[in-house]
C-alpha atoms as a PDB file:
ATOM      1  CA  UNK A   1     -62.983  53.333 -38.629  1.00  0.00           C
ATOM      2  CA  UNK A   2     -64.682  56.364 -40.170  1.00  0.00           C
ATOM      3  CA  UNK A   3     -67.614  55.931 -42.475  1.00  0.00           C
ATOM      4  CA  UNK A   4     -66.149  57.930 -45.344  1.00  0.00           C
ATOM      5  CA  UNK A   5     -68.071  58.668 -48.500  1.00  0.00           C
ATOM      6  CA  UNK A   6     -66.603  58.287 -51.970  1.00  0.00           C
ATOM      7  CA  UNK A   7     -66.354  62.090 -52.304  1.00  0.00           C
ATOM      8  CA  UNK A   8     -64.517  62.378 -48.974  1.00  0.00           C
ATOM      9  CA  UNK A   9     -62.027  59.691 -49.995  1.00  0.00           C
ATOM     10  CA  UNK A  10     -61.340  61.370 -53.348  1.00  0.00           C
ATOM     11  CA  UNK A  11     -60.870  64.742 -51.649  1.00  0.00           C
ATOM     12  CA  UNK A  12     -58.438  63.295 -49.116  1.00  0.00           C
ATOM     13  CA  UNK A  13     -56.465  61.481 -51.827  1.00  0.00           C
ATOM     14  CA  UNK A  14     -55.907  64.807 -53.604  1.00  0.00           C
ATOM     15  CA  UNK A  15     -54.501  66.347 -50.407  1.00  0.00           C
ATOM     16  CA  UNK A  16     -52.433  63.351 -49.339  1.00  0.00           C
ATOM     17  CA  UNK A  17     -48.643  63.827 -49.632  1.00  0.00           C
ATOM     18  CA  UNK A  18     -47.902  60.787 -51.795  1.00  0.00           C
ATOM     19  CA  UNK A  19     -44.299  61.799 -52.458  1.00  0.00           C
ATOM     20  CA  UNK A  20     -43.442  62.043 -48.754  1.00  0.00           C
ATOM     21  CA  UNK A  21     -45.278  58.833 -47.939  1.00  0.00           C
ATOM     22  CA  UNK A  22     -43.424  56.763 -50.544  1.00  0.00           C
ATOM     23  CA  UNK A  23     -40.058  58.354 -49.810  1.00  0.00           C
ATOM     24  CA  UNK A  24     -40.548  57.712 -46.080  1.00  0.00           C
ATOM     25  CA  UNK A  25     -41.101  54.063 -47.005  1.00  0.00           C
ATOM     26  CA  UNK A  26     -37.751  53.998 -48.815  1.00  0.00           C
ATOM     27  CA  UNK A  27     -39.194  54.189 -52.332  1.00  0.00           C
ATOM     28  CA  UNK A  28     -37.472  56.612 -54.718  1.00  0.00           C
ATOM     29  CA  UNK A  29     -40.125  58.844 -56.309  1.00  0.00           C
ATOM     30  CA  UNK A  30     -40.522  62.501 -57.239  1.00  0.00           C
ATOM     31  CA  UNK A  31     -43.634  64.586 -57.778  1.00  0.00           C
ATOM     32  CA  UNK A  32     -44.312  66.885 -60.689  1.00  0.00           C
ATOM     33  CA  UNK A  33     -47.567  68.772 -60.671  1.00  0.00           C
ATOM     34  CA  UNK A  34     -50.319  66.142 -60.121  1.00  0.00           C
ATOM     35  CA  UNK A  35     -48.185  63.087 -60.929  1.00  0.00           C
ATOM     36  CA  UNK A  36     -45.820  61.093 -58.729  1.00  0.00           C
ATOM     37  CA  UNK A  37     -43.351  58.923 -60.629  1.00  0.00           C
ATOM     38  CA  UNK A  38     -40.342  56.745 -59.990  1.00  0.00           C
ATOM     39  CA  UNK A  39     -39.563  53.344 -58.500  1.00  0.00           C
ATOM     40  CA  UNK A  40     -42.465  50.897 -58.325  1.00  0.00           C
ATOM     41  CA  UNK A  41     -43.314  49.829 -54.747  1.00  0.00           C
ATOM     42  CA  UNK A  42     -44.335  46.412 -56.103  1.00  0.00           C
ATOM     43  CA  UNK A  43     -41.609  45.287 -58.518  1.00  0.00           C
ATOM     44  CA  UNK A  44     -38.988  47.864 -57.395  1.00  0.00           C
ATOM     45  CA  UNK A  45     -37.850  48.435 -60.970  1.00  0.00           C
ATOM     46  CA  UNK A  46     -35.244  51.166 -60.553  1.00  0.00           C
ATOM     47  CA  UNK A  47     -36.077  53.018 -63.717  1.00  0.00           C
ATOM     48  CA  UNK A  48     -39.135  55.233 -63.694  1.00  0.00           C
ATOM     49  CA  UNK A  49     -41.995  52.858 -64.412  1.00  0.00           C
ATOM     50  CA  UNK A  50     -44.454  53.768 -61.646  1.00  0.00           C
ATOM     51  CA  UNK A  51     -46.912  56.628 -62.057  1.00  0.00           C
ATOM     52  CA  UNK A  52     -49.569  57.813 -59.601  1.00  0.00           C
ATOM     53  CA  UNK A  53     -52.050  60.498 -60.616  1.00  0.00           C
ATOM     54  CA  UNK A  54     -52.834  62.436 -57.431  1.00  0.00           C
ATOM     55  CA  UNK A  55     -55.862  64.119 -58.998  1.00  0.00           C
ATOM     56  CA  UNK A  56     -57.577  60.855 -59.962  1.00  0.00           C
ATOM     57  CA  UNK A  57     -56.012  58.791 -57.159  1.00  0.00           C
ATOM     58  CA  UNK A  58     -54.971  55.921 -59.442  1.00  0.00           C
ATOM     59  CA  UNK A  59     -51.605  54.321 -60.199  1.00  0.00           C
ATOM     60  CA  UNK A  60     -49.947  52.043 -62.729  1.00  0.00           C
ATOM     61  CA  UNK A  61     -46.537  50.435 -63.203  1.00  0.00           C
ATOM     62  CA  UNK A  62     -45.639  50.121 -66.873  1.00  0.00           C
ATOM     63  CA  UNK A  63     -43.074  47.424 -66.059  1.00  0.00           C
ATOM     64  CA  UNK A  64     -44.926  44.893 -63.893  1.00  0.00           C
ATOM     65  CA  UNK A  65     -48.441  46.004 -64.861  1.00  0.00           C
ATOM     66  CA  UNK A  66     -49.676  46.514 -61.285  1.00  0.00           C
ATOM     67  CA  UNK A  67     -52.433  49.142 -61.212  1.00  0.00           C
ATOM     68  CA  UNK A  68     -55.394  50.326 -59.196  1.00  0.00           C
ATOM     69  CA  UNK A  69     -56.437  52.837 -56.549  1.00  0.00           C
ATOM     70  CA  UNK A  70     -53.816  54.770 -54.600  1.00  0.00           C
ATOM     71  CA  UNK A  71     -55.502  53.551 -51.413  1.00  0.00           C
ATOM     72  CA  UNK A  72     -54.182  50.091 -52.195  1.00  0.00           C
ATOM     73  CA  UNK A  73     -50.588  51.413 -52.407  1.00  0.00           C
ATOM     74  CA  UNK A  74     -50.841  52.667 -48.817  1.00  0.00           C
ATOM     75  CA  UNK A  75     -52.406  49.391 -47.697  1.00  0.00           C
ATOM     76  CA  UNK A  76     -49.759  47.244 -49.421  1.00  0.00           C
ATOM     77  CA  UNK A  77     -46.747  49.345 -48.383  1.00  0.00           C
ATOM     78  CA  UNK A  78     -47.816  49.388 -44.728  1.00  0.00           C
ATOM     79  CA  UNK A  79     -49.367  45.892 -44.827  1.00  0.00           C
ATOM     80  CA  UNK A  80     -52.631  47.122 -43.388  1.00  0.00           C
ATOM     81  CA  UNK A  81     -56.249  46.680 -44.463  1.00  0.00           C
ATOM     82  CA  UNK A  82     -57.805  48.873 -47.124  1.00  0.00           C
ATOM     83  CA  UNK A  83     -60.165  50.325 -44.526  1.00  0.00           C
ATOM     84  CA  UNK A  84     -57.192  51.307 -42.344  1.00  0.00           C
ATOM     85  CA  UNK A  85     -55.463  52.821 -45.378  1.00  0.00           C
ATOM     86  CA  UNK A  86     -58.558  54.927 -46.102  1.00  0.00           C
ATOM     87  CA  UNK A  87     -58.530  56.222 -42.516  1.00  0.00           C
ATOM     88  CA  UNK A  88     -54.842  57.037 -42.812  1.00  0.00           C
ATOM     89  CA  UNK A  89     -55.339  58.986 -46.041  1.00  0.00           C
ATOM     90  CA  UNK A  90     -58.337  60.874 -44.637  1.00  0.00           C
ATOM     91  CA  UNK A  91     -56.256  61.816 -41.575  1.00  0.00           C
ATOM     92  CA  UNK A  92     -53.427  62.862 -43.958  1.00  0.00           C
ATOM     93  CA  UNK A  93     -50.850  60.732 -42.144  1.00  0.00           C
ATOM     94  CA  UNK A  94     -48.172  60.639 -44.827  1.00  0.00           C
ATOM     95  CA  UNK A  95     -45.450  59.403 -42.468  1.00  0.00           C
ATOM     96  CA  UNK A  96     -44.930  55.651 -42.320  1.00  0.00           C
ATOM     97  CA  UNK A  97     -44.383  56.073 -38.587  1.00  0.00           C
ATOM     98  CA  UNK A  98     -47.376  56.459 -36.279  1.00  0.00           C
ATOM     99  CA  UNK A  99     -45.473  58.811 -33.927  1.00  0.00           C
ATOM    100  CA  UNK A 100     -44.647  61.331 -36.669  1.00  0.00           C
ATOM    101  CA  UNK A 101     -48.026  62.573 -37.958  1.00  0.00           C
ATOM    102  CA  UNK A 102     -48.271  64.653 -41.091  1.00  0.00           C
ATOM    103  CA  UNK A 103     -49.354  68.246 -40.500  1.00  0.00           C
ATOM    104  CA  UNK A 104     -52.607  68.522 -42.386  1.00  0.00           C
ATOM    105  CA  UNK A 105     -53.050  72.261 -41.800  1.00  0.00           C
ATOM    106  CA  UNK A 106     -50.114  73.051 -44.074  1.00  0.00           C
ATOM    107  CA  UNK A 107     -51.881  71.767 -47.151  1.00  0.00           C
ATOM    108  CA  UNK A 108     -55.449  72.685 -46.255  1.00  0.00           C
ATOM    109  CA  UNK A 109     -55.205  76.018 -48.085  1.00  0.00           C
ATOM    110  CA  UNK A 110     -54.102  74.289 -51.283  1.00  0.00           C
ATOM    111  CA  UNK A 111     -57.157  72.022 -51.357  1.00  0.00           C
ATOM    112  CA  UNK A 112     -58.901  72.320 -54.736  1.00  0.00           C
ATOM    113  CA  UNK A 113     -62.661  72.371 -54.748  1.00  0.00           C
ATOM    114  CA  UNK A 114     -63.900  68.901 -55.762  1.00  0.00           C
ATOM    115  CA  UNK A 115     -66.354  68.618 -58.596  1.00  0.00           C
ATOM    116  CA  UNK A 116     -69.849  68.361 -57.134  1.00  0.00           C
ATOM    117  CA  UNK A 117     -71.671  65.105 -57.827  1.00  0.00           C
ATOM    118  CA  UNK A 118     -74.492  65.286 -60.374  1.00  0.00           C
ATOM    119  CA  UNK A 119     -77.822  66.340 -58.934  1.00  0.00           C
ATOM    120  CA  UNK A 120     -80.313  63.501 -59.264  1.00  0.00           C
ATOM    121  CA  UNK A 121     -83.999  64.259 -58.822  1.00  0.00           C
ATOM    122  CA  UNK A 122     -86.988  61.959 -58.683  1.00  0.00           C
ATOM    123  CA  UNK A 123     -89.189  62.428 -61.791  1.00  0.00           C
ATOM    124  CA  UNK A 124     -91.972  64.992 -61.410  1.00  0.00           C
ATOM    125  CA  UNK A 125     -94.467  62.271 -62.405  1.00  0.00           C
ATOM    126  CA  UNK A 126     -93.378  60.022 -59.505  1.00  0.00           C
ATOM    127  CA  UNK A 127     -95.987  58.819 -56.992  1.00  0.00           C
ATOM    128  CA  UNK A 128     -95.252  56.891 -53.792  1.00  0.00           C
ATOM    129  CA  UNK A 129     -96.807  53.404 -53.752  1.00  0.00           C
ATOM    130  CA  UNK A 130     -97.102  52.829 -50.006  1.00  0.00           C
ATOM    131  CA  UNK A 131    -100.657  53.414 -48.775  1.00  0.00           C
ATOM    132  CA  UNK A 132    -101.651  54.641 -52.231  1.00  0.00           C
ATOM    133  CA  UNK A 133    -105.365  53.914 -52.766  1.00  0.00           C
ATOM    134  CA  UNK A 134    -105.522  55.360 -56.293  1.00  0.00           C
ATOM    135  CA  UNK A 135    -106.977  53.161 -59.041  1.00  0.00           C
ATOM    136  CA  UNK A 136    -104.014  54.185 -61.203  1.00  0.00           C
ATOM    137  CA  UNK A 137    -101.606  52.744 -58.644  1.00  0.00           C
ATOM    138  CA  UNK A 138    -103.184  49.274 -58.612  1.00  0.00           C
ATOM    139  CA  UNK A 139    -101.269  47.653 -61.530  1.00  0.00           C
ATOM    140  CA  UNK A 140     -98.007  49.072 -60.196  1.00  0.00           C
ATOM    141  CA  UNK A 141     -98.668  47.758 -56.704  1.00  0.00           C
ATOM    142  CA  UNK A 142     -99.653  44.392 -58.134  1.00  0.00           C
ATOM    143  CA  UNK A 143     -96.373  44.159 -60.033  1.00  0.00           C
ATOM    144  CA  UNK A 144     -94.294  45.479 -57.123  1.00  0.00           C
ATOM    145  CA  UNK A 145     -95.681  42.809 -54.799  1.00  0.00           C
ATOM    146  CA  UNK A 146     -94.357  40.127 -57.138  1.00  0.00           C
ATOM    147  CA  UNK A 147     -90.834  41.474 -56.558  1.00  0.00           C
ATOM    148  CA  UNK A 148     -90.848  42.758 -52.959  1.00  0.00           C
ATOM    149  CA  UNK A 149     -92.865  42.961 -49.755  1.00  0.00           C
ATOM    150  CA  UNK A 150     -95.159  45.761 -48.597  1.00  0.00           C
ATOM    151  CA  UNK A 151     -92.621  46.589 -45.897  1.00  0.00           C
ATOM    152  CA  UNK A 152     -89.888  47.000 -48.521  1.00  0.00           C
ATOM    153  CA  UNK A 153     -92.137  49.147 -50.715  1.00  0.00           C
ATOM    154  CA  UNK A 154     -92.533  51.562 -47.813  1.00  0.00           C
ATOM    155  CA  UNK A 155     -88.981  51.309 -46.440  1.00  0.00           C
ATOM    156  CA  UNK A 156     -87.269  51.985 -49.783  1.00  0.00           C
ATOM    157  CA  UNK A 157     -89.729  54.661 -50.879  1.00  0.00           C
ATOM    158  CA  UNK A 158     -90.728  52.714 -53.993  1.00  0.00           C
ATOM    159  CA  UNK A 159     -93.097  54.474 -56.366  1.00  0.00           C
ATOM    160  CA  UNK A 160     -94.254  54.568 -59.959  1.00  0.00           C
ATOM    161  CA  UNK A 161     -94.618  56.839 -62.975  1.00  0.00           C
ATOM    162  CA  UNK A 162     -97.758  56.545 -65.079  1.00  0.00           C
ATOM    163  CA  UNK A 163     -96.655  59.274 -67.522  1.00  0.00           C
ATOM    164  CA  UNK A 164     -93.483  60.998 -68.697  1.00  0.00           C
ATOM    165  CA  UNK A 165     -90.129  59.488 -69.664  1.00  0.00           C
ATOM    166  CA  UNK A 166     -90.479  56.710 -67.078  1.00  0.00           C
ATOM    167  CA  UNK A 167     -94.131  55.948 -67.836  1.00  0.00           C
ATOM    168  CA  UNK A 168     -95.448  52.502 -66.862  1.00  0.00           C
ATOM    169  CA  UNK A 169     -92.463  51.835 -64.608  1.00  0.00           C
ATOM    170  CA  UNK A 170     -91.829  50.992 -60.982  1.00  0.00           C
ATOM    171  CA  UNK A 171     -89.230  53.429 -59.597  1.00  0.00           C
ATOM    172  CA  UNK A 172     -86.803  52.357 -56.839  1.00  0.00           C
ATOM    173  CA  UNK A 173     -84.755  55.248 -55.370  1.00  0.00           C
ATOM    174  CA  UNK A 174     -81.102  54.557 -54.561  1.00  0.00           C
ATOM    175  CA  UNK A 175     -79.596  56.582 -51.714  1.00  0.00           C
ATOM    176  CA  UNK A 176     -76.202  56.852 -50.058  1.00  0.00           C
ATOM    177  CA  UNK A 177     -75.674  58.618 -46.706  1.00  0.00           C
ATOM    178  CA  UNK A 178     -79.211  59.948 -47.019  1.00  0.00           C
ATOM    179  CA  UNK A 179     -78.727  61.482 -50.482  1.00  0.00           C
ATOM    180  CA  UNK A 180     -80.461  60.339 -53.657  1.00  0.00           C
ATOM    181  CA  UNK A 181     -77.686  59.184 -56.019  1.00  0.00           C
ATOM    182  CA  UNK A 182     -79.734  57.448 -58.714  1.00  0.00           C
ATOM    183  CA  UNK A 183     -82.906  55.455 -59.231  1.00  0.00           C
ATOM    184  CA  UNK A 184     -83.934  52.372 -61.162  1.00  0.00           C
ATOM    185  CA  UNK A 185     -87.100  52.488 -63.262  1.00  0.00           C
ATOM    186  CA  UNK A 186     -88.346  48.982 -64.111  1.00  0.00           C
ATOM    187  CA  UNK A 187     -90.994  48.511 -66.801  1.00  0.00           C
ATOM    188  CA  UNK A 188     -94.073  46.568 -65.690  1.00  0.00           C
ATOM    189  CA  UNK A 189     -94.997  45.551 -69.251  1.00  0.00           C
ATOM    190  CA  UNK A 190     -93.155  42.711 -70.926  1.00  0.00           C
ATOM    191  CA  UNK A 191     -93.294  44.379 -74.342  1.00  0.00           C
ATOM    192  CA  UNK A 192     -91.573  47.543 -73.135  1.00  0.00           C
ATOM    193  CA  UNK A 193     -88.735  48.672 -75.430  1.00  0.00           C
ATOM    194  CA  UNK A 194     -86.351  48.941 -72.479  1.00  0.00           C
ATOM    195  CA  UNK A 195     -86.722  46.811 -69.361  1.00  0.00           C
ATOM    196  CA  UNK A 196     -84.659  49.002 -67.009  1.00  0.00           C
ATOM    197  CA  UNK A 197     -83.969  52.735 -67.249  1.00  0.00           C
ATOM    198  CA  UNK A 198     -81.913  55.088 -65.081  1.00  0.00           C
ATOM    199  CA  UNK A 199     -81.504  58.897 -64.994  1.00  0.00           C
ATOM    200  CA  UNK A 200     -78.995  60.416 -67.455  1.00  0.00           C
ATOM    201  CA  UNK A 201     -75.503  61.297 -66.190  1.00  0.00           C
ATOM    202  CA  UNK A 202     -75.973  59.317 -62.992  1.00  0.00           C
ATOM    203  CA  UNK A 203     -72.917  57.669 -61.411  1.00  0.00           C
ATOM    204  CA  UNK A 204     -74.543  54.383 -60.395  1.00  0.00           C
ATOM    205  CA  UNK A 205     -71.278  52.435 -60.712  1.00  0.00           C
ATOM    206  CA  UNK A 206     -69.846  54.584 -57.923  1.00  0.00           C
ATOM    207  CA  UNK A 207     -72.483  53.259 -55.522  1.00  0.00           C
ATOM    208  CA  UNK A 208     -74.140  50.065 -54.347  1.00  0.00           C
ATOM    209  CA  UNK A 209     -77.840  49.629 -53.836  1.00  0.00           C
ATOM    210  CA  UNK A 210     -78.722  48.632 -50.257  1.00  0.00           C
ATOM    211  CA  UNK A 211     -75.220  49.251 -48.852  1.00  0.00           C
ATOM    212  CA  UNK A 212     -76.463  51.040 -45.749  1.00  0.00           C
ATOM    213  CA  UNK A 213     -78.770  48.121 -44.991  1.00  0.00           C
ATOM    214  CA  UNK A 214     -75.859  45.642 -44.905  1.00  0.00           C
ATOM    215  CA  UNK A 215     -73.267  47.979 -43.364  1.00  0.00           C
ATOM    216  CA  UNK A 216     -71.112  46.147 -40.822  1.00  0.00           C
ATOM    217  CA  UNK A 217     -71.750  42.642 -42.177  1.00  0.00           C
ATOM    218  CA  UNK A 218     -68.659  40.520 -42.708  1.00  0.00           C
ATOM    219  CA  UNK A 219     -70.294  38.488 -45.484  1.00  0.00           C
ATOM    220  CA  UNK A 220     -72.190  40.300 -48.225  1.00  0.00           C
ATOM    221  CA  UNK A 221     -73.921  38.819 -51.270  1.00  0.00           C
ATOM    222  CA  UNK A 222     -73.527  40.852 -54.467  1.00  0.00           C
ATOM    223  CA  UNK A 223     -76.274  40.728 -57.086  1.00  0.00           C
ATOM    224  CA  UNK A 224     -76.737  42.380 -60.465  1.00  0.00           C
ATOM    225  CA  UNK A 225     -80.030  44.218 -60.004  1.00  0.00           C
ATOM    226  CA  UNK A 226     -81.958  45.924 -57.228  1.00  0.00           C
ATOM    227  CA  UNK A 227     -84.811  43.389 -57.257  1.00  0.00           C
ATOM    228  CA  UNK A 228     -82.297  40.578 -56.753  1.00  0.00           C
ATOM    229  CA  UNK A 229     -80.865  42.431 -53.749  1.00  0.00           C
ATOM    230  CA  UNK A 230     -84.347  43.074 -52.375  1.00  0.00           C
ATOM    231  CA  UNK A 231     -85.002  39.338 -52.438  1.00  0.00           C
ATOM    232  CA  UNK A 232     -82.156  38.987 -49.923  1.00  0.00           C
ATOM    233  CA  UNK A 233     -82.952  42.215 -48.056  1.00  0.00           C
ATOM    234  CA  UNK A 234     -80.374  42.620 -45.254  1.00  0.00           C
ATOM    235  CA  UNK A 235     -77.838  40.263 -46.848  1.00  0.00           C
ATOM    236  CA  UNK A 236     -77.140  41.714 -50.299  1.00  0.00           C
ATOM    237  CA  UNK A 237     -76.210  44.715 -52.407  1.00  0.00           C
ATOM    238  CA  UNK A 238     -76.686  45.316 -56.134  1.00  0.00           C
ATOM    239  CA  UNK A 239     -73.805  46.342 -58.410  1.00  0.00           C
ATOM    240  CA  UNK A 240     -76.060  47.463 -61.318  1.00  0.00           C
ATOM    241  CA  UNK A 241     -74.507  44.924 -63.660  1.00  0.00           C
ATOM    242  CA  UNK A 242     -71.963  42.136 -63.999  1.00  0.00           C
ATOM    243  CA  UNK A 243     -68.994  44.084 -62.637  1.00  0.00           C
ATOM    244  CA  UNK A 244     -67.661  45.414 -59.341  1.00  0.00           C
ATOM    245  CA  UNK A 245     -65.854  48.715 -59.922  1.00  0.00           C
ATOM    246  CA  UNK A 246     -62.877  49.942 -57.895  1.00  0.00           C
ATOM    247  CA  UNK A 247     -65.133  52.491 -56.213  1.00  0.00           C
ATOM    248  CA  UNK A 248     -67.662  49.821 -55.251  1.00  0.00           C
ATOM    249  CA  UNK A 249     -64.816  47.666 -53.919  1.00  0.00           C
ATOM    250  CA  UNK A 250     -63.708  50.500 -51.645  1.00  0.00           C
ATOM    251  CA  UNK A 251     -67.268  50.970 -50.399  1.00  0.00           C
ATOM    252  CA  UNK A 252     -67.539  47.268 -49.535  1.00  0.00           C
ATOM    253  CA  UNK A 253     -64.219  47.284 -47.703  1.00  0.00           C
ATOM    254  CA  UNK A 254     -65.099  50.480 -45.890  1.00  0.00           C
ATOM    255  CA  UNK A 255     -68.362  48.848 -44.787  1.00  0.00           C
ATOM    256  CA  UNK A 256     -66.346  46.126 -43.028  1.00  0.00           C
ATOM    257  CA  UNK A 257     -66.951  43.340 -45.540  1.00  0.00           C
ATOM    258  CA  UNK A 258     -64.347  40.540 -45.595  1.00  0.00           C
ATOM    259  CA  UNK A 259     -66.233  37.851 -47.555  1.00  0.00           C
ATOM    260  CA  UNK A 260     -68.110  38.238 -50.833  1.00  0.00           C
ATOM    261  CA  UNK A 261     -70.670  35.872 -52.332  1.00  0.00           C
ATOM    262  CA  UNK A 262     -71.227  36.531 -56.045  1.00  0.00           C
ATOM    263  CA  UNK A 263     -74.805  35.834 -57.128  1.00  0.00           C
ATOM    264  CA  UNK A 264     -74.902  36.761 -60.797  1.00  0.00           C
ATOM    265  CA  UNK A 265     -76.860  35.027 -63.549  1.00  0.00           C
ATOM    266  CA  UNK A 266     -75.807  31.612 -64.829  1.00  0.00           C
ATOM    267  CA  UNK A 267     -74.751  33.133 -68.172  1.00  0.00           C
ATOM    268  CA  UNK A 268     -72.138  35.334 -66.469  1.00  0.00           C
ATOM    269  CA  UNK A 269     -69.449  32.707 -65.803  1.00  0.00           C
ATOM    270  CA  UNK A 270     -66.677  34.679 -67.480  1.00  0.00           C
ATOM    271  CA  UNK A 271     -67.698  37.873 -65.659  1.00  0.00           C
ATOM    272  CA  UNK A 272     -67.754  35.962 -62.371  1.00  0.00           C
ATOM    273  CA  UNK A 273     -64.282  34.572 -63.033  1.00  0.00           C
ATOM    274  CA  UNK A 274     -62.843  38.004 -63.864  1.00  0.00           C
ATOM    275  CA  UNK A 275     -64.454  39.503 -60.774  1.00  0.00           C
ATOM    276  CA  UNK A 276     -63.101  36.658 -58.637  1.00  0.00           C
ATOM    277  CA  UNK A 277     -59.534  37.250 -59.841  1.00  0.00           C
ATOM    278  CA  UNK A 278     -59.753  40.936 -58.922  1.00  0.00           C
ATOM    279  CA  UNK A 279     -61.740  40.705 -55.705  1.00  0.00           C
ATOM    280  CA  UNK A 280     -59.853  37.756 -54.191  1.00  0.00           C
ATOM    281  CA  UNK A 281     -56.837  40.076 -53.882  1.00  0.00           C
ATOM    282  CA  UNK A 282     -58.837  42.437 -51.679  1.00  0.00           C
ATOM    283  CA  UNK A 283     -61.139  40.206 -49.614  1.00  0.00           C
ATOM    284  CA  UNK A 284     -60.407  37.266 -47.346  1.00  0.00           C
ATOM    285  CA  UNK A 285     -62.806  34.989 -49.239  1.00  0.00           C
ATOM    286  CA  UNK A 286     -64.691  35.261 -52.524  1.00  0.00           C
ATOM    287  CA  UNK A 287     -67.150  32.551 -53.571  1.00  0.00           C
ATOM    288  CA  UNK A 288     -69.907  32.265 -56.150  1.00  0.00           C
ATOM    289  CA  UNK A 289     -73.412  30.823 -56.172  1.00  0.00           C
ATOM    290  CA  UNK A 290     -74.146  28.494 -59.073  1.00  0.00           C
ATOM    291  CA  UNK A 291     -77.604  29.687 -60.094  1.00  0.00           C
ATOM    292  CA  UNK A 292     -79.832  27.377 -62.160  1.00  0.00           C
ATOM    293  CA  UNK A 293     -80.169  28.347 -65.817  1.00  0.00           C
ATOM    294  CA  UNK A 294     -82.885  30.948 -66.316  1.00  0.00           C
ATOM    295  CA  UNK A 295     -83.224  31.703 -62.593  1.00  0.00           C
ATOM    296  CA  UNK A 296     -82.139  34.731 -60.577  1.00  0.00           C
ATOM    297  CA  UNK A 297     -82.209  35.611 -56.855  1.00  0.00           C
ATOM    298  CA  UNK A 298     -85.606  37.294 -57.222  1.00  0.00           C
ATOM    299  CA  UNK A 299     -87.197  34.219 -58.808  1.00  0.00           C
ATOM    300  CA  UNK A 300     -85.577  31.736 -56.398  1.00  0.00           C
ATOM    301  CA  UNK A 301     -86.474  33.636 -53.234  1.00  0.00           C
ATOM    302  CA  UNK A 302     -84.682  34.366 -49.983  1.00  0.00           C
ATOM    303  CA  UNK A 303     -84.612  30.910 -48.372  1.00  0.00           C
ATOM    304  CA  UNK A 304     -83.302  29.119 -51.452  1.00  0.00           C
ATOM    305  CA  UNK A 305     -80.710  31.838 -52.104  1.00  0.00           C
ATOM    306  CA  UNK A 306     -79.425  31.673 -48.532  1.00  0.00           C
ATOM    307  CA  UNK A 307     -79.143  27.908 -48.862  1.00  0.00           C
ATOM    308  CA  UNK A 308     -77.174  28.281 -52.081  1.00  0.00           C
ATOM    309  CA  UNK A 309     -75.019  30.976 -50.477  1.00  0.00           C
ATOM    310  CA  UNK A 310     -74.113  28.596 -47.640  1.00  0.00           C
ATOM    311  CA  UNK A 311     -72.924  26.071 -50.238  1.00  0.00           C
ATOM    312  CA  UNK A 312     -71.104  28.590 -52.462  1.00  0.00           C
ATOM    313  CA  UNK A 313     -67.508  27.771 -53.419  1.00  0.00           C
ATOM    314  CA  UNK A 314     -64.693  29.529 -55.220  1.00  0.00           C
ATOM    315  CA  UNK A 315     -65.462  29.698 -58.968  1.00  0.00           C
ATOM    316  CA  UNK A 316     -63.374  27.713 -61.431  1.00  0.00           C
ATOM    317  CA  UNK A 317     -61.909  29.052 -64.629  1.00  0.00           C
ATOM    318  CA  UNK A 318     -64.551  28.785 -67.384  1.00  0.00           C
ATOM    319  CA  UNK A 319     -63.932  26.505 -70.327  1.00  0.00           C
ATOM    320  CA  UNK A 320     -65.122  27.604 -73.745  1.00  0.00           C
ATOM    321  CA  UNK A 321     -64.724  26.026 -77.133  1.00  0.00           C
ATOM    322  CA  UNK A 322     -62.954  27.647 -80.051  1.00  0.00           C
ATOM    323  CA  UNK A 323     -66.256  27.332 -81.913  1.00  0.00           C
ATOM    324  CA  UNK A 324     -67.968  29.418 -79.232  1.00  0.00           C
ATOM    325  CA  UNK A 325     -65.137  31.935 -79.113  1.00  0.00           C
ATOM    326  CA  UNK A 326     -64.170  32.187 -82.774  1.00  0.00           C
ATOM    327  CA  UNK A 327     -66.794  30.259 -84.722  1.00  0.00           C
ATOM    328  CA  UNK A 328     -64.356  27.517 -85.718  1.00  0.00           C
ATOM    329  CA  UNK A 329     -63.950  23.839 -84.874  1.00  0.00           C
ATOM    330  CA  UNK A 330     -61.298  23.267 -82.261  1.00  0.00           C
ATOM    331  CA  UNK A 331     -60.657  21.516 -78.980  1.00  0.00           C
ATOM    332  CA  UNK A 332     -61.863  23.168 -75.825  1.00  0.00           C
ATOM    333  CA  UNK A 333     -59.400  25.624 -74.357  1.00  0.00           C
ATOM    334  CA  UNK A 334     -59.287  27.603 -71.167  1.00  0.00           C
ATOM    335  CA  UNK A 335     -59.585  31.373 -71.551  1.00  0.00           C
END
């Protein structure tokens, strides 16, 4: 299985002959410009209800409501894994038969130039923390050591900014395939107006912090923030919030992950439930850690988190009261 980047997958999806692929599978569709439309491969509604945008690589059926990445269409039609579907799209194999490969050279000339990803640069005021003997660095090192080890500070290239936009912040670079894609600047003062800051126009939700460290693991723990992931080092990634995007899902599948352990804050029960409903359709097993109120992976530590991960179970549908939801007295209802 190739280790494709998000940009490579998007480029291949634009070149892939979706019309031929679906027609070869016996599904009646036609292509006009960048859109393929016709019979839905899921509900098989004969009228035109299915639309796939070849430029964006997403699809939706307006009859049954099925929607998502085009990669999933290939996986579901051929009954193969998402990772195998990605390889097939990258190789431009639009035939449903392995012995009738699609000729990629015929469409190579029509390949549009993909939009380059935004250029992310470390702030000019950034200083590396590892082996930094400066007096100025001392409070930043002191704070950093409450969240990570000296080895991690050096391995992840953690630094600080004493001045500028990210003044009085620890800065953790986020890379993918060796390229800086974003960074997380965490304030070291409790009275800071904004606890976490990131560079403008970054595409952090298209990436996962620490993915390369856990590449090849079957079971991966997903946390909200980078410090939570650092607490679990070679076991976890950070999603930069209480959501796993389609792009992040593809990255996890492409990394070989088959089991997810959600480790989000205790106040995120509804977010965990929504994520479970989506992710359980893509992974063999999805479970959630029940974190104590007010605690997170960073505060609990590695050993306790691994113990909780070993006991994690599938989440149950949250129950909320009408008072909580609508500010009115009512019996508890499931949402």
